[in-house]
Amino acid sequence: MNEQINWEEIMKATERSASAASRNSENAVGGMVKLLDRIDRHSSRLEAIRSELQNLNTLQPQCVQASKEAFPGAQGSIRLSWWMLALGLFASFVGGAAFVGYFVN
């Protein structure tokens, strides 16, 4: 029961553990510094993008009005011509008939 305690070995092990913990905490603090720097850089970029979007939102109605003035014929709705639709259906029918006739022959 009377074991001799090796205080020197215990102190060396404690010193090794303390230095390892110190290195780990230094690495953690360094990583947090890098992370906070990156967050700050991205925040400033995000703020610049946000202000640019606000500028574009204020300019958008003016650009729409200018394009309407430049192209007055394009303001109406698109009308599908019945003649163009009939011509397309007729061309499809003729093409289909030729395709079927080629395979039947």
PDB file of N, CA and C in Angstrom:
ATOM      1  N   MET A   1       0.793  -1.193   0.000  1.00  0.00           N
ATOM      2  CA  MET A   1       0.000   0.000   0.000  1.00  0.00           C
ATOM      3  C   MET A   1       0.844   1.269   0.000  1.00  0.00           C
ATOM      4  N   ASN A   2       1.990   1.139   0.495  1.00  0.00           N
ATOM      5  CA  ASN A   2       2.856   2.309   0.529  1.00  0.00           C
ATOM      6  C   ASN A   2       3.640   2.405  -0.764  1.00  0.00           C
ATOM      7  N   GLU A   3       2.987   2.865  -1.809  1.00  0.00           N
ATOM      8  CA  GLU A   3       3.655   3.040  -3.091  1.00  0.00           C
ATOM      9  C   GLU A   3       4.327   4.396  -3.111  1.00  0.00           C
ATOM     10  N   GLN A   4       5.444   4.439  -3.751  1.00  0.00           N
ATOM     11  CA  GLN A   4       6.174   5.679  -3.862  1.00  0.00           C
ATOM     12  C   GLN A   4       5.576   6.495  -5.016  1.00  0.00           C
ATOM     13  N   ILE A   5       5.186   7.709  -4.790  1.00  0.00           N
ATOM     14  CA  ILE A   5       4.618   8.582  -5.819  1.00  0.00           C
ATOM     15  C   ILE A   5       5.766   9.282  -6.532  1.00  0.00           C
ATOM     16  N   ASN A   6       5.766   9.180  -7.838  1.00  0.00           N
ATOM     17  CA  ASN A   6       6.804   9.802  -8.643  1.00  0.00           C
ATOM     18  C   ASN A   6       6.315  11.196  -9.033  1.00  0.00           C
ATOM     19  N   TRP A   7       6.619  12.166  -8.198  1.00  0.00           N
ATOM     20  CA  TRP A   7       6.136  13.526  -8.408  1.00  0.00           C
ATOM     21  C   TRP A   7       6.743  14.148  -9.666  1.00  0.00           C
ATOM     22  N   GLU A   8       7.957  13.804  -9.966  1.00  0.00           N
ATOM     23  CA  GLU A   8       8.620  14.391 -11.136  1.00  0.00           C
ATOM     24  C   GLU A   8       7.910  13.968 -12.428  1.00  0.00           C
ATOM     25  N   GLU A   9       7.558  12.704 -12.536  1.00  0.00           N
ATOM     26  CA  GLU A   9       6.852  12.214 -13.723  1.00  0.00           C
ATOM     27  C   GLU A   9       5.462  12.839 -13.830  1.00  0.00           C
ATOM     28  N   ILE A  10       4.803  12.962 -12.701  1.00  0.00           N
ATOM     29  CA  ILE A  10       3.474  13.588 -12.692  1.00  0.00           C
ATOM     30  C   ILE A  10       3.564  15.037 -13.146  1.00  0.00           C
ATOM     31  N   MET A  11       4.585  15.766 -12.690  1.00  0.00           N
ATOM     32  CA  MET A  11       4.739  17.177 -13.067  1.00  0.00           C
ATOM     33  C   MET A  11       5.086  17.305 -14.565  1.00  0.00           C
ATOM     34  N   LYS A  12       5.906  16.394 -15.112  1.00  0.00           N
ATOM     35  CA  LYS A  12       6.234  16.438 -16.538  1.00  0.00           C
ATOM     36  C   LYS A  12       4.998  16.153 -17.383  1.00  0.00           C
ATOM     37  N   ALA A  13       4.171  15.182 -16.961  1.00  0.00           N
ATOM     38  CA  ALA A  13       2.937  14.871 -17.686  1.00  0.00           C
ATOM     39  C   ALA A  13       1.978  16.053 -17.641  1.00  0.00           C
ATOM     40  N   THR A  14       1.907  16.709 -16.490  1.00  0.00           N
ATOM     41  CA  THR A  14       1.046  17.886 -16.352  1.00  0.00           C
ATOM     42  C   THR A  14       1.540  19.018 -17.243  1.00  0.00           C
ATOM     43  N   GLU A  15       2.857  19.183 -17.313  1.00  0.00           N
ATOM     44  CA  GLU A  15       3.428  20.229 -18.156  1.00  0.00           C
ATOM     45  C   GLU A  15       3.143  19.946 -19.635  1.00  0.00           C
ATOM     46  N   ARG A  16       3.267  18.680 -20.045  1.00  0.00           N
ATOM     47  CA  ARG A  16       2.956  18.332 -21.433  1.00  0.00           C
ATOM     48  C   ARG A  16       1.478  18.592 -21.748  1.00  0.00           C
ATOM     49  N   SER A  17       0.603  18.230 -20.832  1.00  0.00           N
ATOM     50  CA  SER A  17      -0.831  18.458 -21.036  1.00  0.00           C
ATOM     51  C   SER A  17      -1.144  19.945 -21.101  1.00  0.00           C
ATOM     52  N   ALA A  18      -0.491  20.727 -20.238  1.00  0.00           N
ATOM     53  CA  ALA A  18      -0.735  22.171 -20.226  1.00  0.00           C
ATOM     54  C   ALA A  18      -0.240  22.823 -21.512  1.00  0.00           C
ATOM     55  N   SER A  19       0.920  22.390 -22.016  1.00  0.00           N
ATOM     56  CA  SER A  19       1.426  22.991 -23.256  1.00  0.00           C
ATOM     57  C   SER A  19       0.550  22.585 -24.443  1.00  0.00           C
ATOM     58  N   ALA A  20       0.059  21.351 -24.455  1.00  0.00           N
ATOM     59  CA  ALA A  20      -0.847  20.930 -25.533  1.00  0.00           C
ATOM     60  C   ALA A  20      -2.153  21.720 -25.482  1.00  0.00           C
ATOM     61  N   ALA A  21      -2.681  21.930 -24.281  1.00  0.00           N
ATOM     62  CA  ALA A  21      -3.907  22.717 -24.133  1.00  0.00           C
ATOM     63  C   ALA A  21      -3.669  24.156 -24.559  1.00  0.00           C
ATOM     64  N   SER A  22      -2.492  24.681 -24.248  1.00  0.00           N
ATOM     65  CA  SER A  22      -2.162  26.053 -24.649  1.00  0.00           C
ATOM     66  C   SER A  22      -2.108  26.169 -26.173  1.00  0.00           C
ATOM     67  N   ARG A  23      -1.468  25.198 -26.840  1.00  0.00           N
ATOM     68  CA  ARG A  23      -1.411  25.227 -28.310  1.00  0.00           C
ATOM     69  C   ARG A  23      -2.813  25.125 -28.913  1.00  0.00           C
ATOM     70  N   ASN A  24      -3.637  24.255 -28.354  1.00  0.00           N
ATOM     71  CA  ASN A  24      -5.003  24.106 -28.860  1.00  0.00           C
ATOM     72  C   ASN A  24      -5.804  25.387 -28.696  1.00  0.00           C
ATOM     73  N   SER A  25      -5.650  26.046 -27.546  1.00  0.00           N
ATOM     74  CA  SER A  25      -6.412  27.285 -27.347  1.00  0.00           C
ATOM     75  C   SER A  25      -5.894  28.391 -28.256  1.00  0.00           C
ATOM     76  N   GLU A  26      -4.551  28.427 -28.493  1.00  0.00           N
ATOM     77  CA  GLU A  26      -4.013  29.421 -29.428  1.00  0.00           C
ATOM     78  C   GLU A  26      -4.547  29.185 -30.837  1.00  0.00           C
ATOM     79  N   ASN A  27      -4.613  27.924 -31.248  1.00  0.00           N
ATOM     80  CA  ASN A  27      -5.160  27.605 -32.572  1.00  0.00           C
ATOM     81  C   ASN A  27      -6.637  27.985 -32.657  1.00  0.00           C
ATOM     82  N   ALA A  28      -7.376  27.746 -31.586  1.00  0.00           N
ATOM     83  CA  ALA A  28      -8.801  28.095 -31.587  1.00  0.00           C
ATOM     84  C   ALA A  28      -8.995  29.602 -31.678  1.00  0.00           C
ATOM     85  N   VAL A  29      -8.189  30.353 -30.933  1.00  0.00           N
ATOM     86  CA  VAL A  29      -8.304  31.816 -30.973  1.00  0.00           C
ATOM     87  C   VAL A  29      -7.891  32.338 -32.347  1.00  0.00           C
ATOM     88  N   GLY A  30      -6.825  31.767 -32.913  1.00  0.00           N
ATOM     89  CA  GLY A  30      -6.408  32.176 -34.263  1.00  0.00           C
ATOM     90  C   GLY A  30      -7.485  31.887 -35.298  1.00  0.00           C
ATOM     91  N   GLY A  31      -8.128  30.725 -35.167  1.00  0.00           N
ATOM     92  CA  GLY A  31      -9.217  30.394 -36.086  1.00  0.00           C
ATOM     93  C   GLY A  31     -10.393  31.343 -35.944  1.00  0.00           C
ATOM     94  N   MET A  32     -10.717  31.736 -34.715  1.00  0.00           N
ATOM     95  CA  MET A  32     -11.813  32.689 -34.501  1.00  0.00           C
ATOM     96  C   MET A  32     -11.478  34.050 -35.094  1.00  0.00           C
ATOM     97  N   VAL A  33     -10.205  34.467 -34.983  1.00  0.00           N
ATOM     98  CA  VAL A  33      -9.794  35.748 -35.568  1.00  0.00           C
ATOM     99  C   VAL A  33      -9.977  35.710 -37.082  1.00  0.00           C
ATOM    100  N   LYS A  34      -9.557  34.603 -37.716  1.00  0.00           N
ATOM    101  CA  LYS A  34      -9.729  34.472 -39.169  1.00  0.00           C
ATOM    102  C   LYS A  34     -11.202  34.466 -39.547  1.00  0.00           C
ATOM    103  N   LEU A  35     -12.009  33.766 -38.758  1.00  0.00           N
ATOM    104  CA  LEU A  35     -13.439  33.694 -39.039  1.00  0.00           C
ATOM    105  C   LEU A  35     -14.100  35.062 -38.910  1.00  0.00           C
ATOM    106  N   LEU A  36     -13.759  35.802 -37.860  1.00  0.00           N
ATOM    107  CA  LEU A  36     -14.349  37.139 -37.681  1.00  0.00           C
ATOM    108  C   LEU A  36     -13.900  38.088 -38.782  1.00  0.00           C
ATOM    109  N   ASP A  37     -12.660  37.969 -39.220  1.00  0.00           N
ATOM    110  CA  ASP A  37     -12.179  38.797 -40.329  1.00  0.00           C
ATOM    111  C   ASP A  37     -12.947  38.487 -41.610  1.00  0.00           C
ATOM    112  N   ARG A  38     -13.159  37.211 -41.866  1.00  0.00           N
ATOM    113  CA  ARG A  38     -13.905  36.807 -43.060  1.00  0.00           C
ATOM    114  C   ARG A  38     -15.353  37.280 -42.985  1.00  0.00           C
ATOM    115  N   ILE A  39     -15.967  37.177 -41.810  1.00  0.00           N
ATOM    116  CA  ILE A  39     -17.352  37.644 -41.641  1.00  0.00           C
ATOM    117  C   ILE A  39     -17.435  39.142 -41.879  1.00  0.00           C
ATOM    118  N   ASP A  40     -16.451  39.890 -41.366  1.00  0.00           N
ATOM    119  CA  ASP A  40     -16.450  41.341 -41.569  1.00  0.00           C
ATOM    120  C   ASP A  40     -16.312  41.682 -43.046  1.00  0.00           C
ATOM    121  N   ARG A  41     -15.424  40.981 -43.737  1.00  0.00           N
ATOM    122  CA  ARG A  41     -15.239  41.240 -45.175  1.00  0.00           C
ATOM    123  C   ARG A  41     -16.508  40.923 -45.954  1.00  0.00           C
ATOM    124  N   HIS A  42     -17.160  39.807 -45.639  1.00  0.00           N
ATOM    125  CA  HIS A  42     -18.392  39.438 -46.340  1.00  0.00           C
ATOM    126  C   HIS A  42     -19.537  40.385 -45.985  1.00  0.00           C
ATOM    127  N   SER A  43     -19.557  40.873 -44.769  1.00  0.00           N
ATOM    128  CA  SER A  43     -20.613  41.818 -44.385  1.00  0.00           C
ATOM    129  C   SER A  43     -20.498  43.112 -45.175  1.00  0.00           C
ATOM    130  N   SER A  44     -19.274  43.587 -45.343  1.00  0.00           N
ATOM    131  CA  SER A  44     -19.109  44.821 -46.118  1.00  0.00           C
ATOM    132  C   SER A  44     -19.472  44.595 -47.578  1.00  0.00           C
ATOM    133  N   ARG A  45     -19.124  43.424 -48.126  1.00  0.00           N
ATOM    134  CA  ARG A  45     -19.507  43.123 -49.513  1.00  0.00           C
ATOM    135  C   ARG A  45     -21.026  43.003 -49.638  1.00  0.00           C
ATOM    136  N   LEU A  46     -21.653  42.385 -48.655  1.00  0.00           N
ATOM    137  CA  LEU A  46     -23.108  42.247 -48.673  1.00  0.00           C
ATOM    138  C   LEU A  46     -23.788  43.612 -48.601  1.00  0.00           C
ATOM    139  N   GLU A  47     -23.246  44.511 -47.808  1.00  0.00           N
ATOM    140  CA  GLU A  47     -23.818  45.859 -47.713  1.00  0.00           C
ATOM    141  C   GLU A  47     -23.666  46.597 -49.043  1.00  0.00           C
ATOM    142  N   ALA A  48     -22.537  46.417 -49.723  1.00  0.00           N
ATOM    143  CA  ALA A  48     -22.346  47.056 -51.029  1.00  0.00           C
ATOM    144  C   ALA A  48     -23.343  46.490 -52.044  1.00  0.00           C
ATOM    145  N   ILE A  49     -23.570  45.191 -52.013  1.00  0.00           N
ATOM    146  CA  ILE A  49     -24.542  44.581 -52.930  1.00  0.00           C
ATOM    147  C   ILE A  49     -25.951  45.077 -52.619  1.00  0.00           C
ATOM    148  N   ARG A  50     -26.271  45.188 -51.337  1.00  0.00           N
ATOM    149  CA  ARG A  50     -27.599  45.671 -50.941  1.00  0.00           C
ATOM    150  C   ARG A  50     -27.838  47.099 -51.434  1.00  0.00           C
ATOM    151  N   SER A  51     -26.835  47.967 -51.297  1.00  0.00           N
ATOM    152  CA  SER A  51     -27.008  49.343 -51.769  1.00  0.00           C
ATOM    153  C   SER A  51     -27.118  49.393 -53.290  1.00  0.00           C
ATOM    154  N   GLU A  52     -26.374  48.531 -53.981  1.00  0.00           N
ATOM    155  CA  GLU A  52     -26.471  48.475 -55.445  1.00  0.00           C
ATOM    156  C   GLU A  52     -27.860  48.006 -55.883  1.00  0.00           C
ATOM    157  N   LEU A  53     -28.425  47.027 -55.181  1.00  0.00           N
ATOM    158  CA  LEU A  53     -29.782  46.572 -55.503  1.00  0.00           C
ATOM    159  C   LEU A  53     -30.813  47.676 -55.269  1.00  0.00           C
ATOM    160  N   GLN A  54     -30.621  48.459 -54.226  1.00  0.00           N
ATOM    161  CA  GLN A  54     -31.543  49.574 -53.990  1.00  0.00           C
ATOM    162  C   GLN A  54     -31.440  50.599 -55.118  1.00  0.00           C
ATOM    163  N   ASN A  55     -30.217  50.851 -55.592  1.00  0.00           N
ATOM    164  CA  ASN A  55     -30.052  51.771 -56.723  1.00  0.00           C
ATOM    165  C   ASN A  55     -30.732  51.230 -57.970  1.00  0.00           C
ATOM    166  N   LEU A  56     -30.590  49.923 -58.210  1.00  0.00           N
ATOM    167  CA  LEU A  56     -31.233  49.323 -59.381  1.00  0.00           C
ATOM    168  C   LEU A  56     -32.753  49.362 -59.261  1.00  0.00           C
ATOM    169  N   ASN A  57     -33.282  49.189 -58.060  1.00  0.00           N
ATOM    170  CA  ASN A  57     -34.734  49.262 -57.871  1.00  0.00           C
ATOM    171  C   ASN A  57     -35.267  50.661 -58.134  1.00  0.00           C
ATOM    172  N   THR A  58     -34.488  51.684 -57.834  1.00  0.00           N
ATOM    173  CA  THR A  58     -34.943  53.042 -58.125  1.00  0.00           C
ATOM    174  C   THR A  58     -34.815  53.360 -59.613  1.00  0.00           C
ATOM    175  N   LEU A  59     -33.828  52.760 -60.303  1.00  0.00           N
ATOM    176  CA  LEU A  59     -33.632  53.025 -61.727  1.00  0.00           C
ATOM    177  C   LEU A  59     -34.540  52.197 -62.627  1.00  0.00           C
ATOM    178  N   GLN A  60     -35.044  51.074 -62.140  1.00  0.00           N
ATOM    179  CA  GLN A  60     -35.813  50.148 -62.971  1.00  0.00           C
ATOM    180  C   GLN A  60     -37.038  50.787 -63.606  1.00  0.00           C
ATOM    181  N   PRO A  61     -37.879  51.546 -62.870  1.00  0.00           N
ATOM    182  CA  PRO A  61     -39.038  52.159 -63.549  1.00  0.00           C
ATOM    183  C   PRO A  61     -38.637  53.132 -64.660  1.00  0.00           C
ATOM    184  N   GLN A  62     -37.527  53.848 -64.467  1.00  0.00           N
ATOM    185  CA  GLN A  62     -37.064  54.779 -65.496  1.00  0.00           C
ATOM    186  C   GLN A  62     -36.619  54.024 -66.741  1.00  0.00           C
ATOM    187  N   CYS A  63     -35.950  52.884 -66.559  1.00  0.00           N
ATOM    188  CA  CYS A  63     -35.500  52.086 -67.700  1.00  0.00           C
ATOM    189  C   CYS A  63     -36.690  51.496 -68.450  1.00  0.00           C
ATOM    190  N   VAL A  64     -37.701  51.071 -67.729  1.00  0.00           N
ATOM    191  CA  VAL A  64     -38.898  50.516 -68.367  1.00  0.00           C
ATOM    192  C   VAL A  64     -39.589  51.596 -69.185  1.00  0.00           C
ATOM    193  N   GLN A  65     -39.698  52.786 -68.614  1.00  0.00           N
ATOM    194  CA  GLN A  65     -40.345  53.885 -69.326  1.00  0.00           C
ATOM    195  C   GLN A  65     -39.545  54.259 -70.570  1.00  0.00           C
ATOM    196  N   ALA A  66     -38.228  54.282 -70.469  1.00  0.00           N
ATOM    197  CA  ALA A  66     -37.394  54.625 -71.628  1.00  0.00           C
ATOM    198  C   ALA A  66     -37.526  53.576 -72.728  1.00  0.00           C
ATOM    199  N   SER A  67     -37.599  52.302 -72.356  1.00  0.00           N
ATOM    200  CA  SER A  67     -37.742  51.265 -73.386  1.00  0.00           C
ATOM    201  C   SER A  67     -39.130  51.313 -74.014  1.00  0.00           C
ATOM    202  N   LYS A  68     -40.150  51.667 -73.255  1.00  0.00           N
ATOM    203  CA  LYS A  68     -41.488  51.810 -73.840  1.00  0.00           C
ATOM    204  C   LYS A  68     -41.532  52.973 -74.820  1.00  0.00           C
ATOM    205  N   GLU A  69     -40.822  54.034 -74.509  1.00  0.00           N
ATOM    206  CA  GLU A  69     -40.772  55.176 -75.424  1.00  0.00           C
ATOM    207  C   GLU A  69     -39.959  54.843 -76.679  1.00  0.00           C
ATOM    208  N   ALA A  70     -38.907  54.020 -76.511  1.00  0.00           N
ATOM    209  CA  ALA A  70     -38.058  53.682 -77.659  1.00  0.00           C
ATOM    210  C   ALA A  70     -38.748  52.700 -78.598  1.00  0.00           C
ATOM    211  N   PHE A  71     -39.582  51.811 -78.067  1.00  0.00           N
ATOM    212  CA  PHE A  71     -40.269  50.813 -78.870  1.00  0.00           C
ATOM    213  C   PHE A  71     -41.770  50.903 -78.630  1.00  0.00           C
ATOM    214  N   PRO A  72     -42.437  51.876 -79.242  1.00  0.00           N
ATOM    215  CA  PRO A  72     -43.864  52.056 -78.954  1.00  0.00           C
ATOM    216  C   PRO A  72     -44.730  50.911 -79.474  1.00  0.00           C
ATOM    217  N   GLY A  73     -44.304  50.207 -80.518  1.00  0.00           N
ATOM    218  CA  GLY A  73     -45.115  49.121 -81.057  1.00  0.00           C
ATOM    219  C   GLY A  73     -45.102  47.881 -80.182  1.00  0.00           C
ATOM    220  N   ALA A  74     -44.147  47.786 -79.307  1.00  0.00           N
ATOM    221  CA  ALA A  74     -44.008  46.583 -78.485  1.00  0.00           C
ATOM    222  C   ALA A  74     -44.802  46.665 -77.190  1.00  0.00           C
ATOM    223  N   GLN A  75     -45.584  47.715 -77.003  1.00  0.00           N
ATOM    224  CA  GLN A  75     -46.304  47.879 -75.748  1.00  0.00           C
ATOM    225  C   GLN A  75     -47.553  47.017 -75.674  1.00  0.00           C
ATOM    226  N   GLY A  76     -48.131  46.653 -76.815  1.00  0.00           N
ATOM    227  CA  GLY A  76     -49.365  45.880 -76.814  1.00  0.00           C
ATOM    228  C   GLY A  76     -49.109  44.412 -76.491  1.00  0.00           C
ATOM    229  N   SER A  77     -50.193  43.703 -76.318  1.00  0.00           N
ATOM    230  CA  SER A  77     -50.051  42.279 -76.043  1.00  0.00           C
ATOM    231  C   SER A  77     -49.747  41.542 -77.346  1.00  0.00           C
ATOM    232  N   ILE A  78     -49.177  40.380 -77.222  1.00  0.00           N
ATOM    233  CA  ILE A  78     -48.815  39.587 -78.394  1.00  0.00           C
ATOM    234  C   ILE A  78     -50.073  38.914 -78.932  1.00  0.00           C
ATOM    235  N   ARG A  79     -50.345  39.138 -80.212  1.00  0.00           N
ATOM    236  CA  ARG A  79     -51.507  38.520 -80.850  1.00  0.00           C
ATOM    237  C   ARG A  79     -51.034  37.398 -81.740  1.00  0.00           C
ATOM    238  N   LEU A  80     -51.617  36.250 -81.570  1.00  0.00           N
ATOM    239  CA  LEU A  80     -51.265  35.106 -82.399  1.00  0.00           C
ATOM    240  C   LEU A  80     -52.150  35.135 -83.647  1.00  0.00           C
ATOM    241  N   SER A  81     -51.510  35.179 -84.796  1.00  0.00           N
ATOM    242  CA  SER A  81     -52.247  35.213 -86.054  1.00  0.00           C
ATOM    243  C   SER A  81     -52.808  33.832 -86.342  1.00  0.00           C
ATOM    244  N   TRP A  82     -54.105  33.770 -86.703  1.00  0.00           N
ATOM    245  CA  TRP A  82     -54.737  32.487 -87.013  1.00  0.00           C
ATOM    246  C   TRP A  82     -54.179  31.907 -88.290  1.00  0.00           C
ATOM    247  N   TRP A  83     -53.763  32.766 -89.195  1.00  0.00           N
ATOM    248  CA  TRP A  83     -53.179  32.277 -90.430  1.00  0.00           C
ATOM    249  C   TRP A  83     -51.857  31.566 -90.177  1.00  0.00           C
ATOM    250  N   MET A  84     -51.058  32.100 -89.286  1.00  0.00           N
ATOM    251  CA  MET A  84     -49.778  31.467 -88.967  1.00  0.00           C
ATOM    252  C   MET A  84     -50.002  30.126 -88.269  1.00  0.00           C
ATOM    253  N   LEU A  85     -51.000  30.071 -87.397  1.00  0.00           N
ATOM    254  CA  LEU A  85     -51.328  28.826 -86.719  1.00  0.00           C
ATOM    255  C   LEU A  85     -51.831  27.782 -87.720  1.00  0.00           C
ATOM    256  N   ALA A  86     -52.694  28.191 -88.630  1.00  0.00           N
ATOM    257  CA  ALA A  86     -53.218  27.262 -89.638  1.00  0.00           C
ATOM    258  C   ALA A  86     -52.103  26.781 -90.564  1.00  0.00           C
ATOM    259  N   LEU A  87     -51.206  27.669 -90.943  1.00  0.00           N
ATOM    260  CA  LEU A  87     -50.085  27.288 -91.796  1.00  0.00           C
ATOM    261  C   LEU A  87     -49.175  26.286 -91.079  1.00  0.00           C
ATOM    262  N   GLY A  88     -48.928  26.486 -89.794  1.00  0.00           N
ATOM    263  CA  GLY A  88     -48.114  25.561 -89.024  1.00  0.00           C
ATOM    264  C   GLY A  88     -48.759  24.189 -88.908  1.00  0.00           C
ATOM    265  N   LEU A  89     -50.080  24.160 -88.668  1.00  0.00           N
ATOM    266  CA  LEU A  89     -50.781  22.876 -88.594  1.00  0.00           C
ATOM    267  C   LEU A  89     -50.775  22.163 -89.945  1.00  0.00           C
ATOM    268  N   PHE A  90     -50.973  22.920 -91.016  1.00  0.00           N
ATOM    269  CA  PHE A  90     -50.950  22.329 -92.345  1.00  0.00           C
ATOM    270  C   PHE A  90     -49.570  21.757 -92.674  1.00  0.00           C
ATOM    271  N   ALA A  91     -48.511  22.485 -92.327  1.00  0.00           N
ATOM    272  CA  ALA A  91     -47.149  22.001 -92.580  1.00  0.00           C
ATOM    273  C   ALA A  91     -46.880  20.744 -91.763  1.00  0.00           C
ATOM    274  N   SER A  92     -47.373  20.688 -90.537  1.00  0.00           N
ATOM    275  CA  SER A  92     -47.205  19.493 -89.700  1.00  0.00           C
ATOM    276  C   SER A  92     -47.943  18.308 -90.310  1.00  0.00           C
ATOM    277  N   PHE A  93     -49.146  18.553 -90.806  1.00  0.00           N
ATOM    278  CA  PHE A  93     -49.930  17.477 -91.428  1.00  0.00           C
ATOM    279  C   PHE A  93     -49.238  16.945 -92.676  1.00  0.00           C
ATOM    280  N   VAL A  94     -48.753  17.840 -93.523  1.00  0.00           N
ATOM    281  CA  VAL A  94     -48.074  17.425 -94.750  1.00  0.00           C
ATOM    282  C   VAL A  94     -46.795  16.662 -94.408  1.00  0.00           C
ATOM    283  N   GLY A  95     -46.030  17.162 -93.432  1.00  0.00           N
ATOM    284  CA  GLY A  95     -44.811  16.476 -93.025  1.00  0.00           C
ATOM    285  C   GLY A  95     -45.095  15.095 -92.458  1.00  0.00           C
ATOM    286  N   GLY A  96     -46.160  14.990 -91.647  1.00  0.00           N
ATOM    287  CA  GLY A  96     -46.541  13.694 -91.081  1.00  0.00           C
ATOM    288  C   GLY A  96     -46.987  12.734 -92.135  1.00  0.00           C
ATOM    289  N   ALA A  97     -47.772  13.229 -93.097  1.00  0.00           N
ATOM    290  CA  ALA A  97     -48.250  12.365 -94.180  1.00  0.00           C
ATOM    291  C   ALA A  97     -47.073  11.872 -95.019  1.00  0.00           C
ATOM    292  N   ALA A  98     -46.116  12.738 -95.289  1.00  0.00           N
ATOM    293  CA  ALA A  98     -44.933  12.315 -96.070  1.00  0.00           C
ATOM    294  C   ALA A  98     -44.118  11.302 -95.299  1.00  0.00           C
ATOM    295  N   PHE A  99     -44.006  11.466 -93.997  1.00  0.00           N
ATOM    296  CA  PHE A  99     -43.246  10.534 -93.155  1.00  0.00           C
ATOM    297  C   PHE A  99     -43.903   9.161 -93.135  1.00  0.00           C
ATOM    298  N   VAL A 100     -45.243   9.135 -92.959  1.00  0.00           N
ATOM    299  CA  VAL A 100     -45.977   7.878 -92.956  1.00  0.00           C
ATOM    300  C   VAL A 100     -45.932   7.244 -94.332  1.00  0.00           C
ATOM    301  N   GLY A 101     -46.065   8.031 -95.408  1.00  0.00           N
ATOM    302  CA  GLY A 101     -46.005   7.509 -96.763  1.00  0.00           C
ATOM    303  C   GLY A 101     -44.655   6.907 -97.086  1.00  0.00           C
ATOM    304  N   TYR A 102     -43.615   7.472 -96.555  1.00  0.00           N
ATOM    305  CA  TYR A 102     -42.265   6.950 -96.804  1.00  0.00           C
ATOM    306  C   TYR A 102     -42.119   5.564 -96.178  1.00  0.00           C
ATOM    307  N   PHE A 103     -42.632   5.382 -94.957  1.00  0.00           N
ATOM    308  CA  PHE A 103     -42.505   4.089 -94.293  1.00  0.00           C
ATOM    309  C   PHE A 103     -43.484   3.046 -94.864  1.00  0.00           C
ATOM    310  N   VAL A 104     -44.641   3.478 -95.339  1.00  0.00           N
ATOM    311  CA  VAL A 104     -45.603   2.531 -95.924  1.00  0.00           C
ATOM    312  C   VAL A 104     -45.068   2.025 -97.251  1.00  0.00           C
ATOM    313  N   ASN A 105     -44.440   2.875 -97.995  1.00  0.00           N
ATOM    314  CA  ASN A 105     -43.918   2.525 -99.312  1.00  0.00           C
ATOM    315  C   ASN A 105     -42.774   1.598 -99.113  1.00  0.00           C
TER     316      ASN A 105
END
